[in-house]
Amino acid sequence: QTAKSPSWIGELPDVVHGELAGWGQHGDITRQVLSLVLLRHDDEHPAVAEQFELVETWSEEVVAGIHTVRAAGEGALAQLLDLAFVGDVVALELAAWAGIDPGPTPVIAPSPAHAEAP
């Protein structure tokens, strides 16, 4: 929402099973407009590390770019916070690059009708 740019998240192994099939089906489009960002940390299970490698290999032909971000810091909490911080900085940089105010997003701003919903 900060950069007002389409984005979504996925978790392994769900990305392997569900999302990659869709990307491959429309590779001529996704190759032009989508970049894949892989968030990695030191405590990954070996099976998860292997899945990351598969996702990277299978995605090379259907996305514009693949970017791996490795967490810095000592311990799981420090690495989680590092990845969250990097995500926020990237969103702010994207907003600045596009000349977009990273402030409130009117489309998701609370409205009186929204506040009254059950």
PDB file of N, CA and C in Angstrom:
ATOM      1  N   GLN A   1       0.820  -1.193   0.000  1.00  0.00           N
ATOM      2  CA  GLN A   1       0.000   0.000   0.000  1.00  0.00           C
ATOM      3  C   GLN A   1       0.861   1.252   0.000  1.00  0.00           C
ATOM      4  N   THR A   2       2.079   1.195   0.523  1.00  0.00           N
ATOM      5  CA  THR A   2       2.934   2.377   0.593  1.00  0.00           C
ATOM      6  C   THR A   2       3.266   2.915  -0.792  1.00  0.00           C
ATOM      7  N   ALA A   3       3.634   2.030  -1.709  1.00  0.00           N
ATOM      8  CA  ALA A   3       4.012   2.452  -3.056  1.00  0.00           C
ATOM      9  C   ALA A   3       2.827   2.475  -4.015  1.00  0.00           C
ATOM     10  N   LYS A   4       1.629   2.118  -3.515  1.00  0.00           N
ATOM     11  CA  LYS A   4       0.423   2.087  -4.355  1.00  0.00           C
ATOM     12  C   LYS A   4       0.676   1.250  -5.610  1.00  0.00           C
ATOM     13  N   SER A   5       1.328   0.130  -5.435  1.00  0.00           N
ATOM     14  CA  SER A   5       1.713  -0.742  -6.534  1.00  0.00           C
ATOM     15  C   SER A   5       1.204  -2.157  -6.265  1.00  0.00           C
ATOM     16  N   PRO A   6       0.735  -2.850  -7.286  1.00  0.00           N
ATOM     17  CA  PRO A   6       0.254  -4.215  -7.057  1.00  0.00           C
ATOM     18  C   PRO A   6       1.358  -5.108  -6.494  1.00  0.00           C
ATOM     19  N   SER A   7       1.004  -5.872  -5.490  1.00  0.00           N
ATOM     20  CA  SER A   7       1.953  -6.820  -4.906  1.00  0.00           C
ATOM     21  C   SER A   7       1.168  -7.844  -4.109  1.00  0.00           C
ATOM     22  N   TRP A   8       1.775  -8.950  -3.836  1.00  0.00           N
ATOM     23  CA  TRP A   8       1.170  -9.965  -2.985  1.00  0.00           C
ATOM     24  C   TRP A   8       2.263 -10.828  -2.399  1.00  0.00           C
ATOM     25  N   ILE A   9       1.881 -11.621  -1.410  1.00  0.00           N
ATOM     26  CA  ILE A   9       2.837 -12.505  -0.764  1.00  0.00           C
ATOM     27  C   ILE A   9       2.381 -13.945  -0.946  1.00  0.00           C
ATOM     28  N   GLY A  10       3.325 -14.832  -0.827  1.00  0.00           N
ATOM     29  CA  GLY A  10       3.027 -16.250  -0.876  1.00  0.00           C
ATOM     30  C   GLY A  10       4.010 -16.980   0.014  1.00  0.00           C
ATOM     31  N   GLU A  11       3.596 -18.117   0.496  1.00  0.00           N
ATOM     32  CA  GLU A  11       4.455 -18.926   1.361  1.00  0.00           C
ATOM     33  C   GLU A  11       4.785 -20.239   0.674  1.00  0.00           C
ATOM     34  N   LEU A  12       5.963 -20.735   0.981  1.00  0.00           N
ATOM     35  CA  LEU A  12       6.312 -22.077   0.529  1.00  0.00           C
ATOM     36  C   LEU A  12       5.626 -23.073   1.442  1.00  0.00           C
ATOM     37  N   PRO A  13       5.118 -24.166   0.991  1.00  0.00           N
ATOM     38  CA  PRO A  13       5.178 -24.703  -0.376  1.00  0.00           C
ATOM     39  C   PRO A  13       4.026 -24.252  -1.273  1.00  0.00           C
ATOM     40  N   ASP A  14       3.107 -23.427  -0.773  1.00  0.00           N
ATOM     41  CA  ASP A  14       1.938 -23.037  -1.568  1.00  0.00           C
ATOM     42  C   ASP A  14       2.316 -22.375  -2.888  1.00  0.00           C
ATOM     43  N   VAL A  15       3.364 -21.565  -2.873  1.00  0.00           N
ATOM     44  CA  VAL A  15       3.799 -20.898  -4.103  1.00  0.00           C
ATOM     45  C   VAL A  15       4.173 -21.935  -5.150  1.00  0.00           C
ATOM     46  N   VAL A  16       4.837 -22.990  -4.715  1.00  0.00           N
ATOM     47  CA  VAL A  16       5.277 -24.029  -5.648  1.00  0.00           C
ATOM     48  C   VAL A  16       4.070 -24.680  -6.313  1.00  0.00           C
ATOM     49  N   HIS A  17       3.049 -24.973  -5.543  1.00  0.00           N
ATOM     50  CA  HIS A  17       1.911 -25.724  -6.070  1.00  0.00           C
ATOM     51  C   HIS A  17       0.906 -24.859  -6.805  1.00  0.00           C
ATOM     52  N   GLY A  18       0.578 -23.708  -6.268  1.00  0.00           N
ATOM     53  CA  GLY A  18      -0.508 -22.921  -6.827  1.00  0.00           C
ATOM     54  C   GLY A  18      -0.103 -21.783  -7.732  1.00  0.00           C
ATOM     55  N   GLU A  19       0.792 -20.956  -7.283  1.00  0.00           N
ATOM     56  CA  GLU A  19       1.058 -19.713  -8.000  1.00  0.00           C
ATOM     57  C   GLU A  19       1.948 -19.889  -9.218  1.00  0.00           C
ATOM     58  N   LEU A  20       2.941 -20.738  -9.131  1.00  0.00           N
ATOM     59  CA  LEU A  20       3.846 -20.896 -10.267  1.00  0.00           C
ATOM     60  C   LEU A  20       3.130 -21.379 -11.518  1.00  0.00           C
ATOM     61  N   ALA A  21       2.123 -22.201 -11.352  1.00  0.00           N
ATOM     62  CA  ALA A  21       1.370 -22.682 -12.515  1.00  0.00           C
ATOM     63  C   ALA A  21       0.733 -21.511 -13.261  1.00  0.00           C
ATOM     64  N   GLY A  22       0.183 -20.571 -12.531  1.00  0.00           N
ATOM     65  CA  GLY A  22      -0.427 -19.402 -13.158  1.00  0.00           C
ATOM     66  C   GLY A  22       0.585 -18.499 -13.828  1.00  0.00           C
ATOM     67  N   TRP A  23       1.729 -18.339 -13.201  1.00  0.00           N
ATOM     68  CA  TRP A  23       2.759 -17.495 -13.802  1.00  0.00           C
ATOM     69  C   TRP A  23       3.238 -18.097 -15.116  1.00  0.00           C
ATOM     70  N   GLY A  24       3.445 -19.387 -15.129  1.00  0.00           N
ATOM     71  CA  GLY A  24       3.916 -20.050 -16.338  1.00  0.00           C
ATOM     72  C   GLY A  24       2.904 -19.986 -17.463  1.00  0.00           C
ATOM     73  N   GLN A  25       1.631 -20.030 -17.125  1.00  0.00           N
ATOM     74  CA  GLN A  25       0.567 -19.993 -18.126  1.00  0.00           C
ATOM     75  C   GLN A  25       0.554 -18.660 -18.868  1.00  0.00           C
ATOM     76  N   HIS A  26       0.952 -17.596 -18.198  1.00  0.00           N
ATOM     77  CA  HIS A  26       0.911 -16.261 -18.798  1.00  0.00           C
ATOM     78  C   HIS A  26       2.301 -15.622 -18.807  1.00  0.00           C
ATOM     79  N   GLY A  27       3.317 -16.421 -19.080  1.00  0.00           N
ATOM     80  CA  GLY A  27       4.698 -15.956 -19.030  1.00  0.00           C
ATOM     81  C   GLY A  27       4.990 -14.766 -19.914  1.00  0.00           C
ATOM     82  N   ASP A  28       4.301 -14.668 -21.056  1.00  0.00           N
ATOM     83  CA  ASP A  28       4.559 -13.534 -21.941  1.00  0.00           C
ATOM     84  C   ASP A  28       4.173 -12.215 -21.292  1.00  0.00           C
ATOM     85  N   ILE A  29       3.195 -12.240 -20.393  1.00  0.00           N
ATOM     86  CA  ILE A  29       2.781 -11.031 -19.674  1.00  0.00           C
ATOM     87  C   ILE A  29       3.602 -10.857 -18.400  1.00  0.00           C
ATOM     88  N   THR A  30       3.692 -11.913 -17.598  1.00  0.00           N
ATOM     89  CA  THR A  30       4.386 -11.796 -16.311  1.00  0.00           C
ATOM     90  C   THR A  30       5.851 -11.442 -16.497  1.00  0.00           C
ATOM     91  N   ARG A  31       6.458 -11.894 -17.582  1.00  0.00           N
ATOM     92  CA  ARG A  31       7.868 -11.607 -17.837  1.00  0.00           C
ATOM     93  C   ARG A  31       8.115 -10.111 -18.013  1.00  0.00           C
ATOM     94  N   GLN A  32       7.079  -9.386 -18.380  1.00  0.00           N
ATOM     95  CA  GLN A  32       7.213  -7.951 -18.592  1.00  0.00           C
ATOM     96  C   GLN A  32       6.944  -7.126 -17.341  1.00  0.00           C
ATOM     97  N   VAL A  33       6.122  -7.640 -16.433  1.00  0.00           N
ATOM     98  CA  VAL A  33       5.644  -6.779 -15.351  1.00  0.00           C
ATOM     99  C   VAL A  33       5.890  -7.286 -13.932  1.00  0.00           C
ATOM    100  N   LEU A  34       6.253  -8.538 -13.749  1.00  0.00           N
ATOM    101  CA  LEU A  34       6.413  -9.069 -12.394  1.00  0.00           C
ATOM    102  C   LEU A  34       7.863  -9.344 -12.050  1.00  0.00           C
ATOM    103  N   SER A  35       8.220  -8.991 -10.839  1.00  0.00           N
ATOM    104  CA  SER A  35       9.510  -9.381 -10.277  1.00  0.00           C
ATOM    105  C   SER A  35       9.231 -10.218  -9.039  1.00  0.00           C
ATOM    106  N   LEU A  36      10.061 -11.196  -8.820  1.00  0.00           N
ATOM    107  CA  LEU A  36       9.924 -12.091  -7.678  1.00  0.00           C
ATOM    108  C   LEU A  36      10.962 -11.708  -6.633  1.00  0.00           C
ATOM    109  N   VAL A  37      10.516 -11.492  -5.410  1.00  0.00           N
ATOM    110  CA  VAL A  37      11.421 -11.173  -4.305  1.00  0.00           C
ATOM    111  C   VAL A  37      11.348 -12.320  -3.308  1.00  0.00           C
ATOM    112  N   LEU A  38      12.481 -12.960  -3.076  1.00  0.00           N
ATOM    113  CA  LEU A  38      12.560 -14.087  -2.150  1.00  0.00           C
ATOM    114  C   LEU A  38      13.169 -13.608  -0.841  1.00  0.00           C
ATOM    115  N   LEU A  39      12.420 -13.743   0.247  1.00  0.00           N
ATOM    116  CA  LEU A  39      12.894 -13.338   1.574  1.00  0.00           C
ATOM    117  C   LEU A  39      13.422 -14.573   2.283  1.00  0.00           C
ATOM    118  N   ARG A  40      14.719 -14.557   2.597  1.00  0.00           N
ATOM    119  CA  ARG A  40      15.372 -15.741   3.164  1.00  0.00           C
ATOM    120  C   ARG A  40      15.966 -15.417   4.526  1.00  0.00           C
ATOM    121  N   HIS A  41      16.103 -16.442   5.368  1.00  0.00           N
ATOM    122  CA  HIS A  41      16.723 -16.270   6.682  1.00  0.00           C
ATOM    123  C   HIS A  41      17.568 -17.492   7.022  1.00  0.00           C
ATOM    124  N   ASP A  42      18.360 -17.377   8.071  1.00  0.00           N
ATOM    125  CA  ASP A  42      19.324 -18.422   8.426  1.00  0.00           C
ATOM    126  C   ASP A  42      18.703 -19.690   8.992  1.00  0.00           C
ATOM    127  N   ASP A  43      17.490 -19.615   9.506  1.00  0.00           N
ATOM    128  CA  ASP A  43      16.882 -20.771  10.167  1.00  0.00           C
ATOM    129  C   ASP A  43      15.979 -21.591   9.247  1.00  0.00           C
ATOM    130  N   GLU A  44      16.157 -21.466   7.946  1.00  0.00           N
ATOM    131  CA  GLU A  44      15.331 -22.233   7.020  1.00  0.00           C
ATOM    132  C   GLU A  44      15.609 -23.727   7.149  1.00  0.00           C
ATOM    133  N   HIS A  45      14.564 -24.507   7.118  1.00  0.00           N
ATOM    134  CA  HIS A  45      14.698 -25.960   7.077  1.00  0.00           C
ATOM    135  C   HIS A  45      15.312 -26.323   5.719  1.00  0.00           C
ATOM    136  N   PRO A  46      16.139 -27.358   5.654  1.00  0.00           N
ATOM    137  CA  PRO A  46      16.740 -27.740   4.365  1.00  0.00           C
ATOM    138  C   PRO A  46      15.708 -27.970   3.253  1.00  0.00           C
ATOM    139  N   ALA A  47      14.536 -28.501   3.596  1.00  0.00           N
ATOM    140  CA  ALA A  47      13.499 -28.712   2.575  1.00  0.00           C
ATOM    141  C   ALA A  47      12.990 -27.381   2.029  1.00  0.00           C
ATOM    142  N   VAL A  48      12.902 -26.373   2.890  1.00  0.00           N
ATOM    143  CA  VAL A  48      12.465 -25.047   2.454  1.00  0.00           C
ATOM    144  C   VAL A  48      13.528 -24.426   1.556  1.00  0.00           C
ATOM    145  N   ALA A  49      14.790 -24.576   1.931  1.00  0.00           N
ATOM    146  CA  ALA A  49      15.878 -24.052   1.102  1.00  0.00           C
ATOM    147  C   ALA A  49      15.835 -24.686  -0.290  1.00  0.00           C
ATOM    148  N   GLU A  50      15.541 -25.962  -0.352  1.00  0.00           N
ATOM    149  CA  GLU A  50      15.433 -26.652  -1.639  1.00  0.00           C
ATOM    150  C   GLU A  50      14.253 -26.112  -2.447  1.00  0.00           C
ATOM    151  N   GLN A  51      13.143 -25.838  -1.777  1.00  0.00           N
ATOM    152  CA  GLN A  51      11.983 -25.277  -2.474  1.00  0.00           C
ATOM    153  C   GLN A  51      12.282 -23.888  -3.029  1.00  0.00           C
ATOM    154  N   PHE A  52      13.042 -23.093  -2.277  1.00  0.00           N
ATOM    155  CA  PHE A  52      13.438 -21.778  -2.791  1.00  0.00           C
ATOM    156  C   PHE A  52      14.218 -21.933  -4.094  1.00  0.00           C
ATOM    157  N   GLU A  53      15.129 -22.888  -4.118  1.00  0.00           N
ATOM    158  CA  GLU A  53      15.926 -23.114  -5.326  1.00  0.00           C
ATOM    159  C   GLU A  53      15.033 -23.524  -6.498  1.00  0.00           C
ATOM    160  N   LEU A  54      14.048 -24.389  -6.232  1.00  0.00           N
ATOM    161  CA  LEU A  54      13.121 -24.799  -7.289  1.00  0.00           C
ATOM    162  C   LEU A  54      12.302 -23.616  -7.797  1.00  0.00           C
ATOM    163  N   VAL A  55      11.790 -22.821  -6.887  1.00  0.00           N
ATOM    164  CA  VAL A  55      11.004 -21.646  -7.284  1.00  0.00           C
ATOM    165  C   VAL A  55      11.846 -20.722  -8.158  1.00  0.00           C
ATOM    166  N   GLU A  56      13.079 -20.514  -7.754  1.00  0.00           N
ATOM    167  CA  GLU A  56      13.956 -19.636  -8.535  1.00  0.00           C
ATOM    168  C   GLU A  56      14.188 -20.206  -9.937  1.00  0.00           C
ATOM    169  N   THR A  57      14.488 -21.486 -10.015  1.00  0.00           N
ATOM    170  CA  THR A  57      14.732 -22.123 -11.309  1.00  0.00           C
ATOM    171  C   THR A  57      13.497 -22.073 -12.197  1.00  0.00           C
ATOM    172  N   TRP A  58      12.347 -22.426 -11.648  1.00  0.00           N
ATOM    173  CA  TRP A  58      11.117 -22.478 -12.432  1.00  0.00           C
ATOM    174  C   TRP A  58      10.604 -21.095 -12.807  1.00  0.00           C
ATOM    175  N   SER A  59      11.011 -20.066 -12.095  1.00  0.00           N
ATOM    176  CA  SER A  59      10.496 -18.719 -12.339  1.00  0.00           C
ATOM    177  C   SER A  59      11.346 -17.910 -13.309  1.00  0.00           C
ATOM    178  N   GLU A  60      12.549 -18.352 -13.577  1.00  0.00           N
ATOM    179  CA  GLU A  60      13.473 -17.558 -14.395  1.00  0.00           C
ATOM    180  C   GLU A  60      12.873 -17.105 -15.718  1.00  0.00           C
ATOM    181  N   GLU A  61      12.087 -17.954 -16.352  1.00  0.00           N
ATOM    182  CA  GLU A  61      11.552 -17.646 -17.674  1.00  0.00           C
ATOM    183  C   GLU A  61      10.243 -16.861 -17.655  1.00  0.00           C
ATOM    184  N   VAL A  62       9.627 -16.710 -16.471  1.00  0.00           N
ATOM    185  CA  VAL A  62       8.285 -16.115 -16.452  1.00  0.00           C
ATOM    186  C   VAL A  62       8.173 -14.830 -15.643  1.00  0.00           C
ATOM    187  N   VAL A  63       9.278 -14.318 -15.108  1.00  0.00           N
ATOM    188  CA  VAL A  63       9.252 -13.043 -14.391  1.00  0.00           C
ATOM    189  C   VAL A  63      10.360 -12.146 -14.920  1.00  0.00           C
ATOM    190  N   ALA A  64      10.205 -10.848 -14.707  1.00  0.00           N
ATOM    191  CA  ALA A  64      11.191  -9.878 -15.188  1.00  0.00           C
ATOM    192  C   ALA A  64      12.510  -9.992 -14.435  1.00  0.00           C
ATOM    193  N   GLY A  65      12.437 -10.313 -13.154  1.00  0.00           N
ATOM    194  CA  GLY A  65      13.651 -10.426 -12.356  1.00  0.00           C
ATOM    195  C   GLY A  65      13.385 -11.188 -11.078  1.00  0.00           C
ATOM    196  N   ILE A  66      14.442 -11.768 -10.548  1.00  0.00           N
ATOM    197  CA  ILE A  66      14.365 -12.479  -9.272  1.00  0.00           C
ATOM    198  C   ILE A  66      15.375 -11.835  -8.339  1.00  0.00           C
ATOM    199  N   HIS A  67      14.904 -11.428  -7.177  1.00  0.00           N
ATOM    200  CA  HIS A  67      15.749 -10.746  -6.203  1.00  0.00           C
ATOM    201  C   HIS A  67      15.675 -11.498  -4.877  1.00  0.00           C
ATOM    202  N   THR A  68      16.819 -11.898  -4.380  1.00  0.00           N
ATOM    203  CA  THR A  68      16.865 -12.598  -3.101  1.00  0.00           C
ATOM    204  C   THR A  68      17.353 -11.637  -2.031  1.00  0.00           C
ATOM    205  N   VAL A  69      16.593 -11.543  -0.956  1.00  0.00           N
ATOM    206  CA  VAL A  69      16.968 -10.705   0.184  1.00  0.00           C
ATOM    207  C   VAL A  69      17.258 -11.645   1.345  1.00  0.00           C
ATOM    208  N   ARG A  70      18.485 -11.603   1.833  1.00  0.00           N
ATOM    209  CA  ARG A  70      18.879 -12.441   2.971  1.00  0.00           C
ATOM    210  C   ARG A  70      18.856 -11.595   4.229  1.00  0.00           C
ATOM    211  N   ALA A  71      18.200 -12.123   5.244  1.00  0.00           N
ATOM    212  CA  ALA A  71      18.082 -11.407   6.514  1.00  0.00           C
ATOM    213  C   ALA A  71      19.447 -11.239   7.166  1.00  0.00           C
ATOM    214  N   ALA A  72      19.631 -10.093   7.790  1.00  0.00           N
ATOM    215  CA  ALA A  72      20.826  -9.828   8.585  1.00  0.00           C
ATOM    216  C   ALA A  72      20.418  -9.841  10.054  1.00  0.00           C
ATOM    217  N   GLY A  73      21.384  -9.952  10.920  1.00  0.00           N
ATOM    218  CA  GLY A  73      21.102  -9.906  12.349  1.00  0.00           C
ATOM    219  C   GLY A  73      21.331 -11.240  13.025  1.00  0.00           C
ATOM    220  N   GLU A  74      21.446 -11.172  14.329  1.00  0.00           N
ATOM    221  CA  GLU A  74      21.690 -12.366  15.143  1.00  0.00           C
ATOM    222  C   GLU A  74      20.376 -12.840  15.739  1.00  0.00           C
ATOM    223  N   GLY A  75      19.941 -14.015  15.371  1.00  0.00           N
ATOM    224  CA  GLY A  75      18.737 -14.592  15.946  1.00  0.00           C
ATOM    225  C   GLY A  75      17.515 -14.392  15.074  1.00  0.00           C
ATOM    226  N   ALA A  76      16.499 -15.201  15.352  1.00  0.00           N
ATOM    227  CA  ALA A  76      15.287 -15.213  14.532  1.00  0.00           C
ATOM    228  C   ALA A  76      14.535 -13.881  14.571  1.00  0.00           C
ATOM    229  N   LEU A  77      14.398 -13.290  15.753  1.00  0.00           N
ATOM    230  CA  LEU A  77      13.659 -12.030  15.858  1.00  0.00           C
ATOM    231  C   LEU A  77      14.370 -10.917  15.099  1.00  0.00           C
ATOM    232  N   ALA A  78      15.675 -10.814  15.269  1.00  0.00           N
ATOM    233  CA  ALA A  78      16.439  -9.781  14.563  1.00  0.00           C
ATOM    234  C   ALA A  78      16.299  -9.947  13.055  1.00  0.00           C
ATOM    235  N   GLN A  79      16.318 -11.180  12.586  1.00  0.00           N
ATOM    236  CA  GLN A  79      16.208 -11.408  11.149  1.00  0.00           C
ATOM    237  C   GLN A  79      14.801 -11.109  10.637  1.00  0.00           C
ATOM    238  N   LEU A  80      13.788 -11.439  11.411  1.00  0.00           N
ATOM    239  CA  LEU A  80      12.414 -11.100  11.037  1.00  0.00           C
ATOM    240  C   LEU A  80      12.247  -9.587  10.924  1.00  0.00           C
ATOM    241  N   LEU A  81      12.736  -8.862  11.919  1.00  0.00           N
ATOM    242  CA  LEU A  81      12.630  -7.403  11.905  1.00  0.00           C
ATOM    243  C   LEU A  81      13.434  -6.805  10.756  1.00  0.00           C
ATOM    244  N   ASP A  82      14.581  -7.404  10.447  1.00  0.00           N
ATOM    245  CA  ASP A  82      15.393  -6.923   9.336  1.00  0.00           C
ATOM    246  C   ASP A  82      14.628  -7.046   8.018  1.00  0.00           C
ATOM    247  N   LEU A  83      13.997  -8.188   7.788  1.00  0.00           N
ATOM    248  CA  LEU A  83      13.243  -8.368   6.548  1.00  0.00           C
ATOM    249  C   LEU A  83      12.055  -7.415   6.475  1.00  0.00           C
ATOM    250  N   ALA A  84      11.386  -7.186   7.597  1.00  0.00           N
ATOM    251  CA  ALA A  84      10.272  -6.234   7.625  1.00  0.00           C
ATOM    252  C   ALA A  84      10.772  -4.825   7.312  1.00  0.00           C
ATOM    253  N   PHE A  85      11.901  -4.449   7.887  1.00  0.00           N
ATOM    254  CA  PHE A  85      12.484  -3.126   7.648  1.00  0.00           C
ATOM    255  C   PHE A  85      12.861  -2.957   6.179  1.00  0.00           C
ATOM    256  N   VAL A  86      13.514  -3.957   5.615  1.00  0.00           N
ATOM    257  CA  VAL A  86      13.906  -3.884   4.207  1.00  0.00           C
ATOM    258  C   VAL A  86      12.665  -3.721   3.326  1.00  0.00           C
ATOM    259  N   GLY A  87      11.604  -4.456   3.638  1.00  0.00           N
ATOM    260  CA  GLY A  87      10.361  -4.321   2.873  1.00  0.00           C
ATOM    261  C   GLY A  87       9.797  -2.915   2.939  1.00  0.00           C
ATOM    262  N   ASP A  88       9.823  -2.316   4.120  1.00  0.00           N
ATOM    263  CA  ASP A  88       9.325  -0.945   4.269  1.00  0.00           C
ATOM    264  C   ASP A  88      10.179   0.049   3.486  1.00  0.00           C
ATOM    265  N   VAL A  89      11.492  -0.115   3.546  1.00  0.00           N
ATOM    266  CA  VAL A  89      12.392   0.792   2.821  1.00  0.00           C
ATOM    267  C   VAL A  89      12.179   0.659   1.316  1.00  0.00           C
ATOM    268  N   VAL A  90      12.057  -0.563   0.830  1.00  0.00           N
ATOM    269  CA  VAL A  90      11.819  -0.771  -0.601  1.00  0.00           C
ATOM    270  C   VAL A  90      10.504  -0.113  -1.023  1.00  0.00           C
ATOM    271  N   ALA A  91       9.457  -0.265  -0.228  1.00  0.00           N
ATOM    272  CA  ALA A  91       8.168   0.354  -0.554  1.00  0.00           C
ATOM    273  C   ALA A  91       8.285   1.876  -0.602  1.00  0.00           C
ATOM    274  N   LEU A  92       8.998   2.453   0.346  1.00  0.00           N
ATOM    275  CA  LEU A  92       9.190   3.911   0.347  1.00  0.00           C
ATOM    276  C   LEU A  92       9.998   4.362  -0.861  1.00  0.00           C
ATOM    277  N   GLU A  93      11.028   3.607  -1.218  1.00  0.00           N
ATOM    278  CA  GLU A  93      11.837   3.946  -2.393  1.00  0.00           C
ATOM    279  C   GLU A  93      11.009   3.842  -3.675  1.00  0.00           C
ATOM    280  N   LEU A  94      10.179   2.804  -3.781  1.00  0.00           N
ATOM    281  CA  LEU A  94       9.311   2.677  -4.956  1.00  0.00           C
ATOM    282  C   LEU A  94       8.357   3.858  -5.064  1.00  0.00           C
ATOM    283  N   ALA A  95       7.792   4.265  -3.940  1.00  0.00           N
ATOM    284  CA  ALA A  95       6.889   5.419  -3.941  1.00  0.00           C
ATOM    285  C   ALA A  95       7.636   6.675  -4.381  1.00  0.00           C
ATOM    286  N   ALA A  96       8.832   6.893  -3.849  1.00  0.00           N
ATOM    287  CA  ALA A  96       9.621   8.071  -4.223  1.00  0.00           C
ATOM    288  C   ALA A  96       9.975   8.033  -5.706  1.00  0.00           C
ATOM    289  N   TRP A  97      10.377   6.871  -6.192  1.00  0.00           N
ATOM    290  CA  TRP A  97      10.750   6.712  -7.596  1.00  0.00           C
ATOM    291  C   TRP A  97       9.576   7.033  -8.516  1.00  0.00           C
ATOM    292  N   ALA A  98       8.369   6.646  -8.093  1.00  0.00           N
ATOM    293  CA  ALA A  98       7.176   6.879  -8.909  1.00  0.00           C
ATOM    294  C   ALA A  98       6.539   8.242  -8.645  1.00  0.00           C
ATOM    295  N   GLY A  99       7.092   9.015  -7.694  1.00  0.00           N
ATOM    296  CA  GLY A  99       6.526  10.313  -7.368  1.00  0.00           C
ATOM    297  C   GLY A  99       5.185  10.217  -6.666  1.00  0.00           C
ATOM    298  N   ILE A 100       5.021   9.182  -5.858  1.00  0.00           N
ATOM    299  CA  ILE A 100       3.751   8.916  -5.173  1.00  0.00           C
ATOM    300  C   ILE A 100       3.887   9.222  -3.690  1.00  0.00           C
ATOM    301  N   ASP A 101       2.863   9.859  -3.131  1.00  0.00           N
ATOM    302  CA  ASP A 101       2.827  10.102  -1.690  1.00  0.00           C
ATOM    303  C   ASP A 101       2.611   8.764  -0.983  1.00  0.00           C
ATOM    304  N   PRO A 102       3.553   8.339  -0.136  1.00  0.00           N
ATOM    305  CA  PRO A 102       3.398   7.047   0.545  1.00  0.00           C
ATOM    306  C   PRO A 102       2.423   7.094   1.713  1.00  0.00           C
ATOM    307  N   GLY A 103       1.793   8.233   1.911  1.00  0.00           N
ATOM    308  CA  GLY A 103       0.868   8.395   3.030  1.00  0.00           C
ATOM    309  C   GLY A 103      -0.422   7.618   2.857  1.00  0.00           C
ATOM    310  N   PRO A 104      -1.505   8.162   3.353  1.00  0.00           N
ATOM    311  CA  PRO A 104      -2.784   7.442   3.351  1.00  0.00           C
ATOM    312  C   PRO A 104      -3.181   6.942   1.962  1.00  0.00           C
ATOM    313  N   THR A 105      -3.827   5.802   1.962  1.00  0.00           N
ATOM    314  CA  THR A 105      -4.325   5.205   0.730  1.00  0.00           C
ATOM    315  C   THR A 105      -5.842   5.336   0.730  1.00  0.00           C
ATOM    316  N   PRO A 106      -6.390   6.297  -0.036  1.00  0.00           N
ATOM    317  CA  PRO A 106      -7.833   6.556   0.026  1.00  0.00           C
ATOM    318  C   PRO A 106      -8.699   5.323  -0.208  1.00  0.00           C
ATOM    319  N   VAL A 107      -8.285   4.444  -1.087  1.00  0.00           N
ATOM    320  CA  VAL A 107      -9.125   3.294  -1.407  1.00  0.00           C
ATOM    321  C   VAL A 107      -9.322   2.370  -0.209  1.00  0.00           C
ATOM    322  N   ILE A 108      -8.403   2.394   0.768  1.00  0.00           N
ATOM    323  CA  ILE A 108      -8.562   1.543   1.952  1.00  0.00           C
ATOM    324  C   ILE A 108      -8.750   2.347   3.230  1.00  0.00           C
ATOM    325  N   ALA A 109      -8.916   3.662   3.095  1.00  0.00           N
ATOM    326  CA  ALA A 109      -9.143   4.495   4.282  1.00  0.00           C
ATOM    327  C   ALA A 109     -10.486   4.130   4.900  1.00  0.00           C
ATOM    328  N   PRO A 110     -10.550   4.086   6.212  1.00  0.00           N
ATOM    329  CA  PRO A 110     -11.828   3.755   6.858  1.00  0.00           C
ATOM    330  C   PRO A 110     -12.900   4.783   6.507  1.00  0.00           C
ATOM    331  N   SER A 111     -14.085   4.291   6.266  1.00  0.00           N
ATOM    332  CA  SER A 111     -15.225   5.168   6.009  1.00  0.00           C
ATOM    333  C   SER A 111     -16.258   4.926   7.098  1.00  0.00           C
ATOM    334  N   PRO A 112     -17.196   5.860   7.285  1.00  0.00           N
ATOM    335  CA  PRO A 112     -18.241   5.637   8.295  1.00  0.00           C
ATOM    336  C   PRO A 112     -19.008   4.338   8.053  1.00  0.00           C
ATOM    337  N   ALA A 113     -19.282   4.020   6.795  1.00  0.00           N
ATOM    338  CA  ALA A 113     -20.008   2.780   6.491  1.00  0.00           C
ATOM    339  C   ALA A 113     -19.188   1.560   6.893  1.00  0.00           C
ATOM    340  N   HIS A 114     -17.885   1.640   6.682  1.00  0.00           N
ATOM    341  CA  HIS A 114     -16.997   0.535   7.040  1.00  0.00           C
ATOM    342  C   HIS A 114     -16.968   0.347   8.551  1.00  0.00           C
ATOM    343  N   ALA A 115     -16.974   1.436   9.276  1.00  0.00           N
ATOM    344  CA  ALA A 115     -16.917   1.365  10.738  1.00  0.00           C
ATOM    345  C   ALA A 115     -18.172   0.715  11.315  1.00  0.00           C
ATOM    346  N   GLU A 116     -19.300   0.842  10.618  1.00  0.00           N
ATOM    347  CA  GLU A 116     -20.556   0.287  11.115  1.00  0.00           C
ATOM    348  C   GLU A 116     -20.782  -1.158  10.692  1.00  0.00           C
ATOM    349  N   ALA A 117     -19.957  -1.670   9.799  1.00  0.00           N
ATOM    350  CA  ALA A 117     -20.149  -3.046   9.323  1.00  0.00           C
ATOM    351  C   ALA A 117     -19.952  -4.032  10.467  1.00  0.00           C
ATOM    352  N   PRO A 118     -20.724  -5.125  10.457  1.00  0.00           N
ATOM    353  CA  PRO A 118     -20.618  -6.103  11.558  1.00  0.00           C
ATOM    354  C   PRO A 118     -19.299  -6.837  11.563  1.00  0.00           C
TER     355      PRO A 118
END
